[in-house]
Amino acid sequence: MRTRSTRPTRPTRYRALAEQLARALHEGRYPAGAQLPSVRQLCADHGASLATVTHALHELEDAGLIEARPRRGHFVRGPSRQLPLPPGPALELEGRRKRLIDIATTQPDCLSLSHLALPAALLPLAALRRHLAQALAADRTLLAIGSVFGSEALRGQLARRMLRAGCAVDAEDIVVTHREGEALELCLRLLTRAGDSVVLPEPASPRTLEVVASLGLKALAIPAPQDGGFSVTALAFALQHHDVRCCIAEPSFDSVRGSCMPEAAREQLAALLRQHRLPLIECELMGELHRGTQRPRPVKAWDGDDRVLYCGSLACITGAGLSVGWIASRRHRLQLRAARAVHGELLSPLADAALARFLADRAYETHLRRLRQQLAAQTDAWAVAARRLLPPGSRVSPGAGGYVIWVELPAGVDSAALLPRLRKHGYSFVPGAAFGTGDGLAHCLRLSAAHPLDATRERGLARLAEAVRA
């Protein structure tokens, strides 16, 4: 019987070429500032395809060995003889993830299949406009002042929402921020110093990974189980063998896979945190967008000794224009208020007043119900289409809530290598490498059902499937 041969995959070819070129730089064949041969010349010299050479150059660029200059080519950076020769896995650096995020989400000529921003048709624009007008009519000085940590009215409404989710929080425990990114950064600045280790599940939000890296922290990534959050057993093992300063988790419908950590595991996580006296930064972007009859309780619901700093956001409900973030923590509220006063920009009292009115309005619950139903239908439609179009061996996993879909491509396919091909057709997506610290997620990607699956987006899925087959 003939056995199946194990052929090298495309990632192996471009990484092998990257290693070969890196070795040439390390040996000084190209001095600092020298221009490398053109892409076409490299193709001819190494008998490689255009895609292989381009991807290899991207690897060297991300490793800091070369730089690309528009319309001129690629040039050696720094004194080449002092540059270490990076091994294959080491080329998967922080810079690669930043480049992937950049080309996947900031191209005006490309329609993203992964973008999380909701379209205007799904936002409560009429209600928000009405409440903005009413707030301004009631107090015109709202245009002339600023707020440091949010009004009592808004903090009170946010506390009521959290109380309904099972969290014993009052208005004085809440600090309002500019979106969830600032909330996360304030918590990390409070709890850590540069060089500290932070535990987080993988895959993780690119925003989380970037904030951790920007503060000079070490990300200790623990592979997340299929139902999301932490494996409590794996976390306990990590805490026994590493000096960890805090943990970060997104237990409720995370923005990468939409997974939901089981309630029993949340309770175990809270107990483990108490045992180790370790703080948890609990992030929730889509916690209100559940599919069942009841919202999952945050880990903070079991936080008897107040070690959980809860970071919430309204971005996926009101849209980015009138979104706020907030932190709920009784233990650290005074320090967080002081940090906001020093490091944060003033909040808009007009937006604050309008959001407080909207949260108190019955229209808020009506909007939430309709939004959940619409996003659930869209997510199902996207998942059905992806399963139909993607080749055998692909695994399509819609989230238990929210509106993201996690896709695992057949073994050996590097989703990042598909991006240039798809961008030629006017589409982009966020590849799996953007959500991790190594190459274990290279065959994955995230889809977003923020928009209905119209003909244009279905063509994008079809183009993606063609690229996978090719």
Protein backbone atom coordinates (compact mmCIF):
# COMPACT_ATOMS: atom_id res chain seq x y z
CA MET A 1 0.00 0.00 0.00
CA ARG A 2 1.30 3.44 -0.91
CA THR A 3 1.67 5.84 1.97
CA ARG A 4 0.84 9.50 1.62
CA SER A 5 3.97 11.59 1.19
CA THR A 6 4.52 14.51 3.52
CA ARG A 7 5.18 17.47 1.23
CA PRO A 8 6.31 20.80 2.54
CA THR A 9 3.55 23.38 2.63
CA ARG A 10 3.80 26.90 1.33
CA PRO A 11 4.54 28.40 4.77
CA THR A 12 7.57 26.09 4.95
CA ARG A 13 8.83 27.36 1.58
CA TYR A 14 8.55 31.06 2.36
CA ARG A 15 9.96 30.57 5.84
CA ALA A 16 12.88 28.58 4.44
CA LEU A 17 13.57 31.42 1.99
CA ALA A 18 13.30 33.95 4.83
CA GLU A 19 15.85 31.92 6.80
CA GLN A 20 18.19 31.82 3.81
CA LEU A 21 17.99 35.58 3.28
CA ALA A 22 18.39 36.23 7.01
CA ARG A 23 21.54 34.12 7.01
CA ALA A 24 22.92 36.21 4.13
CA LEU A 25 22.26 39.38 6.11
CA HIS A 26 23.84 37.91 9.22
CA GLU A 27 26.96 36.95 7.28
CA GLY A 28 27.29 40.49 5.93
CA ARG A 29 26.65 39.82 2.24
CA TYR A 30 24.50 42.93 2.22
CA PRO A 31 25.91 45.84 4.29
CA ALA A 32 23.74 48.16 6.35
CA GLY A 33 21.71 50.44 4.11
CA ALA A 34 22.28 48.28 1.03
CA GLN A 35 19.39 47.55 -1.30
CA LEU A 36 18.32 43.94 -1.75
CA PRO A 37 17.76 42.52 -5.22
CA SER A 38 14.33 43.24 -6.68
CA VAL A 39 11.45 40.88 -6.01
CA ARG A 40 11.60 39.60 -9.58
CA GLN A 41 15.34 39.02 -9.30
CA LEU A 42 14.86 37.09 -6.05
CA CYS A 43 12.21 34.97 -7.76
CA ALA A 44 14.68 34.13 -10.52
CA ASP A 45 17.64 33.56 -8.16
CA HIS A 46 15.75 31.19 -5.86
CA GLY A 47 13.29 29.61 -8.26
CA ALA A 48 10.43 30.84 -6.10
CA SER A 49 7.02 32.25 -6.85
CA LEU A 50 6.13 35.90 -6.40
CA ALA A 51 3.92 35.07 -3.40
CA THR A 52 6.70 33.07 -1.70
CA VAL A 53 9.27 35.85 -2.11
CA THR A 54 6.83 38.57 -1.02
CA HIS A 55 5.86 36.67 2.10
CA ALA A 56 9.51 35.93 2.94
CA LEU A 57 10.34 39.65 2.68
CA HIS A 58 7.42 40.44 4.99
CA GLU A 59 8.87 38.00 7.52
CA LEU A 60 12.27 39.75 7.40
CA GLU A 61 10.62 43.15 7.63
CA ASP A 62 8.65 42.13 10.72
CA ALA A 63 11.80 40.73 12.31
CA GLY A 64 13.42 44.16 11.93
CA LEU A 65 16.10 43.00 9.47
CA ILE A 66 14.98 45.00 6.44
CA GLU A 67 12.68 47.91 5.64
CA ALA A 68 10.49 48.58 2.61
CA ARG A 69 10.74 51.99 0.95
CA PRO A 70 7.88 52.90 -1.39
CA ARG A 71 8.80 52.71 -5.10
CA ARG A 72 12.42 51.93 -4.22
CA GLY A 73 12.53 48.40 -2.83
CA HIS A 74 13.86 46.70 0.31
CA PHE A 75 16.92 47.90 2.26
CA VAL A 76 19.01 46.40 5.06
CA ARG A 77 18.38 47.95 8.48
CA GLY A 78 21.17 48.59 11.00
CA PRO A 79 24.62 47.00 11.11
CA SER A 80 23.90 43.64 9.50
CA ARG A 81 26.82 41.81 11.16
CA GLN A 82 25.38 42.47 14.62
CA LEU A 83 21.90 41.22 13.80
CA PRO A 84 21.12 37.80 15.27
CA LEU A 85 19.99 35.07 12.94
CA PRO A 86 16.36 34.48 13.92
CA PRO A 87 15.11 30.89 13.92
CA GLY A 88 11.93 30.15 11.97
CA PRO A 89 9.42 30.44 14.83
CA ALA A 90 11.10 33.60 16.11
CA LEU A 91 10.11 35.41 12.93
CA GLU A 92 6.53 35.37 14.28
CA LEU A 93 7.07 38.58 16.20
CA GLU A 94 4.95 41.39 17.55
CA GLY A 95 5.61 43.37 14.36
CA ARG A 96 3.98 40.76 12.19
CA ARG A 97 0.73 40.98 14.09
CA LYS A 98 0.75 44.77 13.82
CA ARG A 99 1.29 44.58 10.07
CA LEU A 100 -1.46 42.00 9.67
CA ILE A 101 -3.93 44.14 11.58
CA ASP A 102 -2.92 47.18 9.53
CA ILE A 103 -3.40 45.60 6.12
CA ALA A 104 -6.55 43.74 7.22
CA THR A 105 -8.53 46.63 8.69
CA THR A 106 -7.28 50.00 7.44
CA GLN A 107 -7.47 49.68 3.67
CA PRO A 108 -10.09 52.08 2.24
CA ASP A 109 -10.19 50.13 -1.03
CA CYS A 110 -11.01 46.80 0.67
CA LEU A 111 -14.20 45.50 2.24
CA SER A 112 -13.34 43.72 5.47
CA LEU A 113 -15.00 40.37 6.21
CA SER A 114 -13.85 40.65 9.84
CA HIS A 115 -14.66 44.21 10.92
CA LEU A 116 -16.76 44.42 14.11
CA ALA A 117 -18.32 47.89 13.65
CA LEU A 118 -22.10 47.67 13.21
CA PRO A 119 -23.78 49.43 10.26
CA ALA A 120 -26.04 52.43 10.82
CA ALA A 121 -29.14 50.31 10.15
CA LEU A 122 -28.51 48.31 13.34
CA LEU A 123 -27.80 51.29 15.61
CA PRO A 124 -30.38 53.20 17.71
CA LEU A 125 -29.61 56.47 15.95
CA ALA A 126 -33.09 57.99 16.24
CA ALA A 127 -33.27 57.37 19.98
CA LEU A 128 -29.75 58.68 20.56
CA ARG A 129 -30.44 61.82 18.53
CA ARG A 130 -33.63 62.45 20.54
CA HIS A 131 -31.82 62.08 23.86
CA LEU A 132 -28.94 64.29 22.71
CA ALA A 133 -31.39 67.04 21.80
CA GLN A 134 -33.27 66.70 25.10
CA ALA A 135 -30.07 66.77 27.14
CA LEU A 136 -28.82 69.88 25.33
CA ALA A 137 -32.16 71.61 25.67
CA ALA A 138 -32.12 70.95 29.40
CA ASP A 139 -28.58 72.25 29.91
CA ARG A 140 -26.71 74.15 27.19
CA THR A 141 -23.57 74.37 29.36
CA LEU A 142 -22.95 70.68 28.54
CA LEU A 143 -21.10 71.94 25.45
CA ALA A 144 -18.65 73.96 27.55
CA ILE A 145 -17.58 71.56 30.31
CA GLY A 146 -15.94 68.15 30.72
CA SER A 147 -16.20 65.16 33.02
CA VAL A 148 -13.33 63.18 34.56
CA PHE A 149 -14.95 59.86 35.46
CA GLY A 150 -18.61 60.17 34.39
CA SER A 151 -21.77 61.67 35.86
CA GLU A 152 -23.62 60.09 38.76
CA ALA A 153 -26.61 59.57 36.45
CA LEU A 154 -24.64 57.53 33.89
CA ARG A 155 -22.70 55.60 36.52
CA GLY A 156 -25.96 54.81 38.27
CA GLN A 157 -27.50 53.39 35.09
CA LEU A 158 -24.40 51.29 34.40
CA ALA A 159 -24.47 49.99 37.99
CA ARG A 160 -28.12 48.97 37.55
CA ARG A 161 -27.25 47.03 34.40
CA MET A 162 -24.47 45.21 36.26
CA LEU A 163 -26.72 44.51 39.24
CA ARG A 164 -29.18 42.82 36.88
CA ALA A 165 -26.26 40.66 35.67
CA GLY A 166 -25.56 39.52 39.22
CA CYS A 167 -22.77 41.93 40.18
CA ALA A 168 -23.01 43.82 43.49
CA VAL A 169 -21.85 47.19 42.15
CA ASP A 170 -23.01 50.74 42.89
CA ALA A 171 -22.44 54.03 41.11
CA GLU A 172 -19.45 54.97 43.29
CA ASP A 173 -17.59 51.85 42.15
CA ILE A 174 -17.67 52.85 38.47
CA VAL A 175 -15.19 54.96 36.50
CA VAL A 176 -16.28 55.91 32.98
CA THR A 177 -13.63 55.97 30.23
CA HIS A 178 -13.24 56.60 26.52
CA ARG A 179 -14.22 53.12 25.25
CA GLU A 180 -12.97 49.78 26.48
CA GLY A 181 -9.38 50.22 25.27
CA GLU A 182 -8.71 53.01 27.75
CA ALA A 183 -10.41 51.01 30.52
CA LEU A 184 -8.05 48.07 29.93
CA GLU A 185 -4.98 50.31 29.80
CA LEU A 186 -5.88 52.11 33.02
CA CYS A 187 -6.29 48.78 34.82
CA LEU A 188 -2.98 47.44 33.55
CA ARG A 189 -1.14 50.65 34.48
CA LEU A 190 -2.58 50.38 37.98
CA LEU A 191 -1.74 46.69 38.53
CA THR A 192 1.55 46.19 36.69
CA ARG A 193 4.98 47.58 35.90
CA ALA A 194 7.08 47.04 32.77
CA GLY A 195 8.51 43.53 32.70
CA ASP A 196 5.66 41.94 34.69
CA SER A 197 3.94 38.80 33.39
CA VAL A 198 0.25 38.90 32.53
CA VAL A 199 -1.79 35.76 31.87
CA LEU A 200 -4.35 35.79 29.08
CA PRO A 201 -6.16 33.14 27.04
CA GLU A 202 -5.23 32.47 23.43
CA PRO A 203 -6.70 33.42 21.01
CA ALA A 204 -6.94 36.92 22.45
CA SER A 205 -8.20 40.26 21.20
CA PRO A 206 -5.58 42.12 19.13
CA ARG A 207 -6.35 45.23 21.18
CA THR A 208 -5.47 43.35 24.37
CA LEU A 209 -2.24 42.02 22.90
CA GLU A 210 -1.23 45.47 21.65
CA VAL A 211 -1.93 47.17 24.99
CA VAL A 212 0.04 44.51 26.86
CA ALA A 213 2.97 44.90 24.46
CA SER A 214 2.87 48.73 24.52
CA LEU A 215 3.22 48.73 28.31
CA GLY A 216 6.29 46.49 28.18
CA LEU A 217 4.52 43.53 29.79
CA LYS A 218 5.12 39.84 29.12
CA ALA A 219 2.09 37.99 27.76
CA LEU A 220 1.82 34.49 29.17
CA ALA A 221 -0.72 32.94 26.80
CA ILE A 222 -2.70 29.86 27.81
CA PRO A 223 -4.60 28.04 25.03
CA ALA A 224 -8.30 28.63 25.65
CA PRO A 225 -10.75 25.71 25.62
CA GLN A 226 -13.42 25.64 22.93
CA ASP A 227 -16.00 27.19 25.27
CA GLY A 228 -13.72 30.15 25.95
CA GLY A 229 -12.14 31.81 28.94
CA PHE A 230 -9.48 29.92 30.87
CA SER A 231 -8.95 26.28 31.54
CA VAL A 232 -8.83 26.65 35.30
CA THR A 233 -6.51 23.64 35.57
CA ALA A 234 -4.07 25.15 33.06
CA LEU A 235 -4.24 28.51 34.81
CA ALA A 236 -3.54 26.90 38.20
CA PHE A 237 -0.48 25.17 36.71
CA ALA A 238 0.77 28.45 35.24
CA LEU A 239 0.39 30.24 38.57
CA GLN A 240 2.47 27.56 40.29
CA HIS A 241 5.36 27.97 37.85
CA HIS A 242 5.33 31.68 36.97
CA ASP A 243 5.34 34.95 38.85
CA VAL A 244 2.12 36.47 37.50
CA ARG A 245 0.93 39.98 38.28
CA CYS A 246 -2.65 39.72 36.95
CA CYS A 247 -4.93 37.91 34.49
CA ILE A 248 -7.01 39.20 31.57
CA ALA A 249 -10.06 37.35 30.28
CA GLU A 250 -13.14 37.92 28.09
CA PRO A 251 -15.46 35.16 29.33
CA SER A 252 -18.74 36.26 27.74
CA PHE A 253 -18.84 35.98 23.92
CA ASP A 254 -15.28 37.09 23.32
CA SER A 255 -14.62 39.22 20.26
CA VAL A 256 -12.42 36.55 18.64
CA ARG A 257 -14.51 33.35 18.71
CA GLY A 258 -17.72 34.42 20.43
CA SER A 259 -17.23 31.62 22.97
CA CYS A 260 -18.82 31.64 26.41
CA MET A 261 -17.08 30.30 29.51
CA PRO A 262 -19.39 27.91 31.46
CA GLU A 263 -20.79 29.27 34.71
CA ALA A 264 -19.17 26.52 36.79
CA ALA A 265 -15.76 27.42 35.34
CA ARG A 266 -16.34 31.10 36.17
CA GLU A 267 -17.01 30.22 39.77
CA GLN A 268 -13.87 28.06 39.88
CA LEU A 269 -11.86 30.90 38.35
CA ALA A 270 -13.08 33.33 41.02
CA ALA A 271 -12.10 30.82 43.74
CA LEU A 272 -8.63 30.37 42.21
CA LEU A 273 -8.13 34.14 42.14
CA ARG A 274 -9.05 34.35 45.82
CA GLN A 275 -6.65 31.53 46.64
CA HIS A 276 -3.73 33.28 44.93
CA ARG A 277 -4.88 36.82 45.81
CA LEU A 278 -4.57 37.65 42.14
CA PRO A 279 -6.51 40.36 40.29
CA LEU A 280 -8.48 39.65 37.10
CA ILE A 281 -9.28 42.23 34.44
CA GLU A 282 -12.58 40.97 33.04
CA CYS A 283 -13.40 42.49 29.64
CA GLU A 284 -16.90 42.41 28.17
CA LEU A 285 -17.65 43.82 24.75
CA MET A 286 -20.58 41.61 23.74
CA GLY A 287 -21.93 40.35 27.07
CA GLU A 288 -25.39 41.83 26.39
CA LEU A 289 -25.63 40.12 22.99
CA HIS A 290 -26.61 36.67 24.24
CA ARG A 291 -28.81 34.27 22.28
CA GLY A 292 -30.51 32.60 25.20
CA THR A 293 -33.12 33.94 27.55
CA GLN A 294 -30.62 35.10 30.15
CA ARG A 295 -27.39 37.06 30.08
CA PRO A 296 -24.40 35.09 31.42
CA ARG A 297 -23.18 36.31 34.79
CA PRO A 298 -19.70 37.88 34.73
CA VAL A 299 -16.93 36.40 36.87
CA LYS A 300 -17.36 39.50 39.03
CA ALA A 301 -20.66 38.03 40.24
CA TRP A 302 -18.56 35.59 42.34
CA ASP A 303 -16.02 38.25 43.34
CA GLY A 304 -16.46 38.19 47.10
CA ASP A 305 -13.19 39.98 47.95
CA ASP A 306 -13.27 42.46 45.04
CA ARG A 307 -10.29 41.24 43.03
CA VAL A 308 -12.03 41.52 39.64
CA LEU A 309 -11.75 44.79 37.73
CA TYR A 310 -14.65 44.65 35.28
CA CYS A 311 -14.17 46.54 31.98
CA GLY A 312 -17.39 47.08 30.03
CA SER A 313 -18.34 48.85 26.82
CA LEU A 314 -21.40 50.04 24.89
CA ALA A 315 -19.64 50.03 21.49
CA CYS A 316 -21.52 46.99 20.15
CA ILE A 317 -24.89 48.47 21.18
CA THR A 318 -24.75 52.21 20.51
CA GLY A 319 -21.97 52.25 17.89
CA ALA A 320 -18.54 53.83 18.18
CA GLY A 321 -19.68 57.46 17.89
CA LEU A 322 -21.44 57.53 21.27
CA SER A 323 -19.67 54.65 22.93
CA VAL A 324 -18.16 54.71 26.39
CA GLY A 325 -16.21 52.19 28.41
CA TRP A 326 -16.18 51.79 32.15
CA ILE A 327 -14.39 50.04 35.01
CA ALA A 328 -16.21 48.61 38.01
CA SER A 329 -13.97 48.14 41.08
CA ARG A 330 -14.66 49.15 44.67
CA ARG A 331 -11.12 48.33 45.82
CA HIS A 332 -9.39 50.49 43.19
CA ARG A 333 -11.96 53.19 42.40
CA LEU A 334 -10.08 56.10 43.98
CA GLN A 335 -6.81 55.16 42.26
CA LEU A 336 -8.61 54.77 38.93
CA ARG A 337 -10.29 58.15 39.29
CA ALA A 338 -6.94 59.75 40.03
CA ALA A 339 -5.34 57.99 37.05
CA ARG A 340 -8.11 59.23 34.77
CA ALA A 341 -7.64 62.77 36.04
CA VAL A 342 -3.92 62.61 35.24
CA HIS A 343 -3.77 60.48 32.10
CA GLY A 344 -7.23 60.59 30.54
CA GLU A 345 -8.91 63.21 28.37
CA LEU A 346 -12.12 64.76 29.64
CA LEU A 347 -15.34 62.95 28.76
CA SER A 348 -18.16 64.69 26.90
CA PRO A 349 -20.96 65.59 29.36
CA LEU A 350 -23.40 65.84 26.45
CA ALA A 351 -22.73 62.25 25.36
CA ASP A 352 -22.76 61.23 29.03
CA ALA A 353 -26.21 62.78 29.62
CA ALA A 354 -27.65 61.33 26.41
CA LEU A 355 -26.43 57.82 27.23
CA ALA A 356 -27.77 58.04 30.79
CA ARG A 357 -31.18 58.98 29.40
CA PHE A 358 -31.05 56.22 26.79
CA LEU A 359 -30.14 53.51 29.31
CA ALA A 360 -33.08 54.61 31.48
CA ASP A 361 -35.47 54.57 28.52
CA ARG A 362 -37.59 51.51 27.71
CA ALA A 363 -36.38 51.96 24.14
CA TYR A 364 -33.00 50.59 25.25
CA GLU A 365 -34.40 47.15 26.06
CA THR A 366 -36.46 47.18 22.85
CA HIS A 367 -33.34 47.97 20.84
CA LEU A 368 -31.38 45.20 22.62
CA ARG A 369 -34.02 42.56 21.86
CA ARG A 370 -34.17 43.47 18.19
CA LEU A 371 -30.40 43.70 17.91
CA ARG A 372 -29.90 40.25 19.45
CA GLN A 373 -32.43 38.70 17.07
CA GLN A 374 -30.97 40.40 14.00
CA LEU A 375 -27.37 39.53 14.84
CA ALA A 376 -28.28 35.90 15.61
CA ALA A 377 -29.95 35.58 12.19
CA GLN A 378 -27.01 37.21 10.43
CA THR A 379 -24.49 35.01 12.23
CA ASP A 380 -26.40 31.87 11.23
CA ALA A 381 -26.54 33.03 7.58
CA TRP A 382 -22.80 33.72 7.50
CA ALA A 383 -21.98 30.36 9.10
CA VAL A 384 -24.19 28.46 6.60
CA ALA A 385 -22.55 30.23 3.66
CA ALA A 386 -19.03 29.70 5.00
CA ARG A 387 -19.64 25.97 5.48
CA ARG A 388 -21.03 25.72 1.96
CA LEU A 389 -18.24 27.65 0.23
CA LEU A 390 -15.06 26.73 2.13
CA PRO A 391 -13.30 23.51 1.06
CA PRO A 392 -13.48 20.20 2.96
CA GLY A 393 -11.32 20.16 6.06
CA SER A 394 -12.46 23.64 7.12
CA ARG A 395 -14.19 24.10 10.45
CA VAL A 396 -16.69 26.94 10.89
CA SER A 397 -17.67 27.80 14.49
CA PRO A 398 -20.23 30.57 15.09
CA GLY A 399 -20.11 32.08 18.56
CA ALA A 400 -22.57 31.24 21.31
CA GLY A 401 -23.36 34.96 21.42
CA GLY A 402 -22.24 38.16 19.76
CA TYR A 403 -21.67 38.03 16.02
CA VAL A 404 -18.23 36.59 15.25
CA ILE A 405 -17.39 33.32 13.50
CA TRP A 406 -14.11 31.46 14.00
CA VAL A 407 -12.79 29.55 10.99
CA GLU A 408 -10.10 26.87 11.04
CA LEU A 409 -8.77 26.18 7.56
CA PRO A 410 -7.35 22.83 6.41
CA ALA A 411 -4.00 21.86 7.90
CA GLY A 412 -1.03 23.54 6.25
CA VAL A 413 -2.92 26.62 5.05
CA ASP A 414 -1.55 29.91 6.39
CA SER A 415 -4.42 32.40 6.39
CA ALA A 416 -2.01 35.37 6.33
CA ALA A 417 -0.66 34.14 3.00
CA LEU A 418 -4.17 34.46 1.55
CA LEU A 419 -4.49 38.17 2.35
CA PRO A 420 -2.56 39.55 -0.67
CA ARG A 421 -4.57 37.38 -3.03
CA LEU A 422 -7.87 38.46 -1.52
CA ARG A 423 -6.95 42.15 -1.44
CA LYS A 424 -6.51 42.08 -5.21
CA HIS A 425 -10.25 41.42 -5.38
CA GLY A 426 -11.13 44.19 -2.92
CA TYR A 427 -11.57 42.14 0.26
CA SER A 428 -9.67 41.64 3.51
CA PHE A 429 -10.00 39.77 6.79
CA VAL A 430 -8.12 39.39 10.09
CA PRO A 431 -5.95 36.23 10.02
CA GLY A 432 -5.44 33.98 13.02
CA ALA A 433 -1.86 35.12 13.61
CA ALA A 434 -3.22 38.50 14.74
CA PHE A 435 -4.87 36.85 17.76
CA GLY A 436 -1.87 35.02 19.20
CA THR A 437 1.75 35.22 20.26
CA GLY A 438 3.08 32.40 18.06
CA ASP A 439 2.13 30.52 14.90
CA GLY A 440 -0.37 28.09 16.44
CA LEU A 441 -3.30 30.05 14.99
CA ALA A 442 -1.82 30.54 11.52
CA HIS A 443 -4.47 28.34 9.88
CA CYS A 444 -7.36 30.28 11.44
CA LEU A 445 -9.23 33.51 10.74
CA ARG A 446 -12.15 35.53 12.12
CA LEU A 447 -15.30 36.47 10.23
CA SER A 448 -17.79 39.09 11.41
CA ALA A 449 -21.55 39.01 10.86
CA ALA A 450 -21.92 42.69 11.76
CA HIS A 451 -23.41 43.25 8.29
CA PRO A 452 -26.09 41.13 6.62
CA LEU A 453 -24.69 38.62 4.14
CA ASP A 454 -25.42 40.48 0.91
CA ALA A 455 -24.24 39.48 -2.56
CA THR A 456 -21.02 41.51 -2.25
CA ARG A 457 -19.97 39.85 0.98
CA GLU A 458 -20.93 36.40 -0.26
CA ARG A 459 -18.64 36.98 -3.25
CA GLY A 460 -15.91 37.82 -0.75
CA LEU A 461 -16.45 34.48 0.99
CA ALA A 462 -16.31 32.76 -2.39
CA ARG A 463 -13.02 34.54 -3.20
CA LEU A 464 -11.64 33.42 0.15
CA ALA A 465 -12.62 29.82 -0.59
CA GLU A 466 -10.92 30.05 -4.00
CA ALA A 467 -7.74 31.34 -2.37
CA VAL A 468 -7.75 28.45 0.12
CA ARG A 469 -8.09 25.91 -2.68
CA ALA A 470 -5.33 27.56 -4.68
